[in-house]
């Protein structure tokens, strides 16, 4: 079961986003809710549904400018890997899927 906002990984991901954007764009508890939503999407809509969800996700709490800031940040790979780790640990994706995603980042 998820520990959410008390979990250092959730806080680390939130801190990376917030530091890069220069504002409190997301909280650890909000990330926990997003992970739970992702699990539900995966269960009900499969892998393609999850991919569509993941592509739309950043636009829920970041502007287009902030998304570009994250993508061009020197810490983008670290951020991506942490999100992937979070999804694996929470059972959203498998280790194999994580390996494929890491190669794509």
N, C-alpha and C. Protein backbone atom coordinates (compact mmCIF):
# COMPACT_ATOMS: atom_id res chain seq x y z
N UNK A 1 0.84 -1.19 0.00
CA UNK A 1 0.00 0.00 0.00
C UNK A 1 0.88 1.25 0.00
N UNK A 2 0.43 2.27 -0.65
CA UNK A 2 1.18 3.51 -0.80
C UNK A 2 1.24 4.30 0.51
N UNK A 3 2.37 4.93 0.70
CA UNK A 3 2.54 5.79 1.88
C UNK A 3 2.39 7.25 1.51
N UNK A 4 2.29 7.53 0.21
CA UNK A 4 1.97 8.86 -0.28
C UNK A 4 2.86 9.98 0.19
N UNK A 5 2.24 11.01 0.72
CA UNK A 5 2.95 12.22 1.06
C UNK A 5 4.06 12.01 2.08
N UNK A 6 4.03 10.93 2.84
CA UNK A 6 5.08 10.65 3.82
C UNK A 6 6.26 9.94 3.18
N UNK A 7 6.09 9.49 1.96
CA UNK A 7 7.10 8.72 1.25
C UNK A 7 8.13 9.65 0.61
N UNK A 8 9.41 9.42 0.87
CA UNK A 8 10.45 10.29 0.31
C UNK A 8 10.44 10.36 -1.22
N UNK A 9 10.09 9.28 -1.89
CA UNK A 9 10.09 9.29 -3.36
C UNK A 9 9.03 10.25 -3.90
N UNK A 10 7.86 10.27 -3.29
CA UNK A 10 6.82 11.22 -3.70
C UNK A 10 7.29 12.65 -3.47
N UNK A 11 7.89 12.88 -2.31
CA UNK A 11 8.39 14.23 -2.00
C UNK A 11 9.50 14.63 -2.95
N UNK A 12 10.41 13.70 -3.27
CA UNK A 12 11.51 14.01 -4.19
C UNK A 12 11.00 14.41 -5.57
N UNK A 13 10.03 13.67 -6.07
CA UNK A 13 9.47 13.99 -7.39
C UNK A 13 8.79 15.36 -7.35
N UNK A 14 8.01 15.61 -6.31
CA UNK A 14 7.34 16.91 -6.18
C UNK A 14 8.37 18.03 -6.08
N UNK A 15 9.42 17.82 -5.30
CA UNK A 15 10.46 18.84 -5.15
C UNK A 15 11.17 19.12 -6.47
N UNK A 16 11.44 18.08 -7.26
CA UNK A 16 12.07 18.28 -8.57
C UNK A 16 11.21 19.14 -9.48
N UNK A 17 9.92 18.85 -9.51
CA UNK A 17 9.00 19.63 -10.34
C UNK A 17 8.93 21.06 -9.84
N UNK A 18 8.74 21.23 -8.54
CA UNK A 18 8.56 22.56 -7.97
C UNK A 18 9.82 23.41 -8.08
N UNK A 19 10.97 22.81 -7.91
CA UNK A 19 12.23 23.55 -8.03
C UNK A 19 12.44 24.00 -9.47
N UNK A 20 12.15 23.13 -10.40
CA UNK A 20 12.34 23.46 -11.82
C UNK A 20 11.38 24.54 -12.29
N UNK A 21 10.13 24.46 -11.85
CA UNK A 21 9.13 25.43 -12.30
C UNK A 21 9.18 26.73 -11.51
N UNK A 22 9.79 26.70 -10.34
CA UNK A 22 9.88 27.90 -9.53
C UNK A 22 8.61 28.21 -8.74
N UNK A 23 7.73 27.25 -8.65
CA UNK A 23 6.50 27.44 -7.87
C UNK A 23 6.05 26.08 -7.34
N UNK A 24 5.10 26.11 -6.43
CA UNK A 24 4.56 24.86 -5.88
C UNK A 24 3.49 24.33 -6.83
N UNK A 25 3.95 23.69 -7.88
CA UNK A 25 3.05 23.19 -8.93
C UNK A 25 2.34 21.91 -8.51
N UNK A 26 3.01 21.10 -7.70
CA UNK A 26 2.45 19.80 -7.33
C UNK A 26 2.93 19.43 -5.93
N UNK A 27 2.10 18.70 -5.22
CA UNK A 27 2.47 18.24 -3.88
C UNK A 27 2.61 16.72 -3.90
N UNK A 28 3.23 16.19 -2.87
CA UNK A 28 3.38 14.74 -2.76
C UNK A 28 2.01 14.06 -2.67
N UNK A 29 1.08 14.68 -1.97
CA UNK A 29 -0.26 14.07 -1.87
C UNK A 29 -0.98 14.10 -3.21
N UNK A 30 -0.79 15.14 -3.99
CA UNK A 30 -1.38 15.20 -5.34
C UNK A 30 -0.76 14.12 -6.22
N UNK A 31 0.54 13.91 -6.10
CA UNK A 31 1.19 12.85 -6.86
C UNK A 31 0.62 11.49 -6.50
N UNK A 32 0.35 11.28 -5.22
CA UNK A 32 -0.24 10.01 -4.80
C UNK A 32 -1.59 9.80 -5.48
N UNK A 33 -2.40 10.85 -5.55
CA UNK A 33 -3.70 10.74 -6.22
C UNK A 33 -3.52 10.43 -7.70
N UNK A 34 -2.54 11.06 -8.33
CA UNK A 34 -2.28 10.81 -9.75
C UNK A 34 -1.85 9.37 -10.00
N UNK A 35 -1.05 8.82 -9.10
CA UNK A 35 -0.62 7.43 -9.23
C UNK A 35 -1.82 6.49 -9.08
N UNK A 36 -2.70 6.79 -8.14
CA UNK A 36 -3.90 5.96 -7.96
C UNK A 36 -4.79 6.03 -9.21
N UNK A 37 -4.90 7.23 -9.80
CA UNK A 37 -5.66 7.37 -11.04
C UNK A 37 -5.01 6.56 -12.16
N UNK A 38 -3.69 6.60 -12.23
CA UNK A 38 -2.97 5.85 -13.27
C UNK A 38 -3.21 4.35 -13.11
N UNK A 39 -3.23 3.87 -11.88
CA UNK A 39 -3.50 2.45 -11.64
C UNK A 39 -4.90 2.08 -12.14
N UNK A 40 -5.85 2.95 -11.87
CA UNK A 40 -7.22 2.70 -12.30
C UNK A 40 -7.31 2.70 -13.83
N UNK A 41 -6.67 3.68 -14.46
CA UNK A 41 -6.67 3.76 -15.92
C UNK A 41 -6.04 2.50 -16.51
N UNK A 42 -4.93 2.07 -15.96
CA UNK A 42 -4.25 0.86 -16.45
C UNK A 42 -5.17 -0.35 -16.34
N UNK A 43 -5.86 -0.45 -15.23
CA UNK A 43 -6.73 -1.60 -14.98
C UNK A 43 -7.95 -1.59 -15.91
N UNK A 44 -8.50 -0.41 -16.17
CA UNK A 44 -9.74 -0.33 -16.94
C UNK A 44 -9.54 -0.11 -18.44
N UNK A 45 -8.40 0.52 -18.83
CA UNK A 45 -8.20 0.87 -20.23
C UNK A 45 -6.94 0.25 -20.84
N UNK A 46 -6.17 -0.45 -20.04
CA UNK A 46 -4.99 -1.13 -20.55
C UNK A 46 -3.80 -0.20 -20.78
N UNK A 47 -2.79 -0.74 -21.44
CA UNK A 47 -1.54 -0.02 -21.65
C UNK A 47 -1.74 1.23 -22.50
N UNK A 48 -2.50 1.12 -23.58
CA UNK A 48 -2.71 2.30 -24.44
C UNK A 48 -3.46 3.40 -23.70
N UNK A 49 -4.42 3.03 -22.90
CA UNK A 49 -5.13 4.02 -22.10
C UNK A 49 -4.20 4.71 -21.13
N UNK A 50 -3.30 3.92 -20.53
CA UNK A 50 -2.33 4.49 -19.61
C UNK A 50 -1.39 5.45 -20.33
N UNK A 51 -0.95 5.09 -21.53
CA UNK A 51 -0.06 5.97 -22.29
C UNK A 51 -0.76 7.29 -22.62
N UNK A 52 -2.01 7.22 -23.03
CA UNK A 52 -2.78 8.44 -23.32
C UNK A 52 -2.94 9.29 -22.06
N UNK A 53 -3.23 8.63 -20.95
CA UNK A 53 -3.37 9.33 -19.67
C UNK A 53 -2.05 10.03 -19.31
N UNK A 54 -0.95 9.31 -19.45
CA UNK A 54 0.36 9.86 -19.08
C UNK A 54 0.73 11.06 -19.95
N UNK A 55 0.35 11.04 -21.21
CA UNK A 55 0.66 12.16 -22.10
C UNK A 55 -0.12 13.41 -21.72
N UNK A 56 -1.34 13.24 -21.23
CA UNK A 56 -2.17 14.39 -20.84
C UNK A 56 -1.88 14.88 -19.43
N UNK A 57 -1.31 14.03 -18.62
CA UNK A 57 -1.13 14.29 -17.19
C UNK A 57 -0.44 15.62 -16.86
N UNK A 58 0.70 15.94 -17.44
CA UNK A 58 1.38 17.18 -17.04
C UNK A 58 0.55 18.43 -17.25
N UNK A 59 -0.33 18.42 -18.23
CA UNK A 59 -1.14 19.60 -18.54
C UNK A 59 -2.20 19.87 -17.48
N UNK A 60 -2.40 18.93 -16.56
CA UNK A 60 -3.36 19.14 -15.48
C UNK A 60 -2.86 20.13 -14.44
N UNK A 61 -1.55 20.24 -14.29
CA UNK A 61 -1.04 21.13 -13.25
C UNK A 61 0.16 21.97 -13.68
N UNK A 62 0.58 21.85 -14.94
CA UNK A 62 1.69 22.65 -15.45
C UNK A 62 1.28 23.37 -16.72
N UNK A 63 1.85 24.55 -16.92
CA UNK A 63 1.63 25.26 -18.17
C UNK A 63 2.53 24.65 -19.25
N UNK A 64 2.26 24.98 -20.49
CA UNK A 64 3.10 24.51 -21.60
C UNK A 64 4.54 24.95 -21.40
N UNK A 65 4.71 26.18 -20.93
CA UNK A 65 6.05 26.72 -20.66
C UNK A 65 6.77 25.90 -19.58
N UNK A 66 6.06 25.57 -18.52
CA UNK A 66 6.65 24.79 -17.42
C UNK A 66 7.00 23.37 -17.87
N UNK A 67 6.18 22.80 -18.71
CA UNK A 67 6.48 21.46 -19.23
C UNK A 67 7.77 21.51 -20.05
N UNK A 68 7.91 22.55 -20.84
CA UNK A 68 9.14 22.70 -21.63
C UNK A 68 10.35 22.93 -20.72
N UNK A 69 10.15 23.67 -19.62
CA UNK A 69 11.24 23.87 -18.65
C UNK A 69 11.70 22.53 -18.09
N UNK A 70 10.76 21.66 -17.77
CA UNK A 70 11.11 20.33 -17.26
C UNK A 70 11.85 19.52 -18.31
N UNK A 71 11.35 19.54 -19.53
CA UNK A 71 11.96 18.75 -20.61
C UNK A 71 13.38 19.19 -20.93
N UNK A 72 13.66 20.48 -20.78
CA UNK A 72 15.00 20.99 -21.10
C UNK A 72 15.90 21.08 -19.88
N UNK A 73 15.37 20.72 -18.72
CA UNK A 73 16.15 20.77 -17.49
C UNK A 73 17.25 19.71 -17.51
N UNK A 74 18.42 20.04 -16.96
CA UNK A 74 19.48 19.03 -16.85
C UNK A 74 19.06 17.85 -15.96
N UNK A 75 18.02 18.04 -15.16
CA UNK A 75 17.56 16.99 -14.25
C UNK A 75 16.37 16.21 -14.82
N UNK A 76 16.07 16.43 -16.10
CA UNK A 76 14.92 15.76 -16.72
C UNK A 76 15.02 14.24 -16.65
N UNK A 77 16.18 13.71 -16.96
CA UNK A 77 16.36 12.25 -16.92
C UNK A 77 16.15 11.72 -15.50
N UNK A 78 16.73 12.42 -14.53
CA UNK A 78 16.55 12.02 -13.12
C UNK A 78 15.07 12.04 -12.76
N UNK A 79 14.40 13.11 -13.14
CA UNK A 79 12.97 13.24 -12.87
C UNK A 79 12.20 12.09 -13.51
N UNK A 80 12.47 11.82 -14.77
CA UNK A 80 11.78 10.75 -15.49
C UNK A 80 12.00 9.40 -14.83
N UNK A 81 13.24 9.12 -14.46
CA UNK A 81 13.55 7.85 -13.81
C UNK A 81 12.83 7.71 -12.47
N UNK A 82 12.74 8.80 -11.73
CA UNK A 82 12.05 8.74 -10.43
C UNK A 82 10.56 8.47 -10.61
N UNK A 83 9.97 9.09 -11.61
CA UNK A 83 8.55 8.83 -11.89
C UNK A 83 8.35 7.38 -12.31
N UNK A 84 9.24 6.87 -13.15
CA UNK A 84 9.17 5.47 -13.57
C UNK A 84 9.31 4.55 -12.36
N UNK A 85 10.28 4.85 -11.49
CA UNK A 85 10.47 4.05 -10.27
C UNK A 85 9.20 4.05 -9.41
N UNK A 86 8.60 5.21 -9.31
CA UNK A 86 7.37 5.35 -8.53
C UNK A 86 6.25 4.48 -9.12
N UNK A 87 6.11 4.52 -10.43
CA UNK A 87 5.08 3.72 -11.10
C UNK A 87 5.33 2.23 -10.94
N UNK A 88 6.59 1.81 -10.97
CA UNK A 88 6.90 0.39 -10.77
C UNK A 88 6.55 -0.01 -9.35
N UNK A 89 7.03 0.77 -8.40
CA UNK A 89 6.82 0.43 -7.00
C UNK A 89 5.34 0.38 -6.64
N UNK A 90 4.55 1.22 -7.26
CA UNK A 90 3.12 1.27 -6.96
C UNK A 90 2.31 0.30 -7.82
N UNK A 91 2.98 -0.45 -8.69
CA UNK A 91 2.30 -1.47 -9.48
C UNK A 91 1.56 -0.96 -10.70
N UNK A 92 1.88 0.25 -11.14
CA UNK A 92 1.24 0.81 -12.33
C UNK A 92 1.83 0.16 -13.59
N UNK A 93 3.15 -0.02 -13.60
CA UNK A 93 3.83 -0.65 -14.73
C UNK A 93 4.76 -1.75 -14.21
N UNK A 94 5.15 -2.63 -15.11
CA UNK A 94 6.04 -3.73 -14.74
C UNK A 94 7.50 -3.30 -14.86
N UNK A 95 8.40 -4.11 -14.33
CA UNK A 95 9.83 -3.85 -14.46
C UNK A 95 10.24 -3.81 -15.93
N UNK A 96 9.69 -4.70 -16.73
CA UNK A 96 10.01 -4.74 -18.15
C UNK A 96 9.57 -3.45 -18.84
N UNK A 97 8.36 -3.00 -18.55
CA UNK A 97 7.87 -1.75 -19.13
C UNK A 97 8.73 -0.58 -18.69
N UNK A 98 9.16 -0.60 -17.44
CA UNK A 98 10.03 0.45 -16.92
C UNK A 98 11.35 0.48 -17.68
N UNK A 99 11.90 -0.69 -17.94
CA UNK A 99 13.16 -0.78 -18.68
C UNK A 99 13.00 -0.15 -20.07
N UNK A 100 11.90 -0.45 -20.73
CA UNK A 100 11.64 0.11 -22.05
C UNK A 100 11.47 1.63 -21.99
N UNK A 101 10.78 2.11 -20.98
CA UNK A 101 10.59 3.56 -20.82
C UNK A 101 11.91 4.27 -20.55
N UNK A 102 12.75 3.67 -19.71
CA UNK A 102 14.04 4.29 -19.40
C UNK A 102 14.89 4.42 -20.67
N UNK A 103 14.81 3.44 -21.53
CA UNK A 103 15.56 3.51 -22.80
C UNK A 103 15.04 4.63 -23.69
N UNK A 104 13.76 4.93 -23.59
CA UNK A 104 13.16 5.96 -24.43
C UNK A 104 13.42 7.37 -23.91
N UNK A 105 13.79 7.48 -22.64
CA UNK A 105 14.00 8.81 -22.04
C UNK A 105 15.35 9.35 -22.47
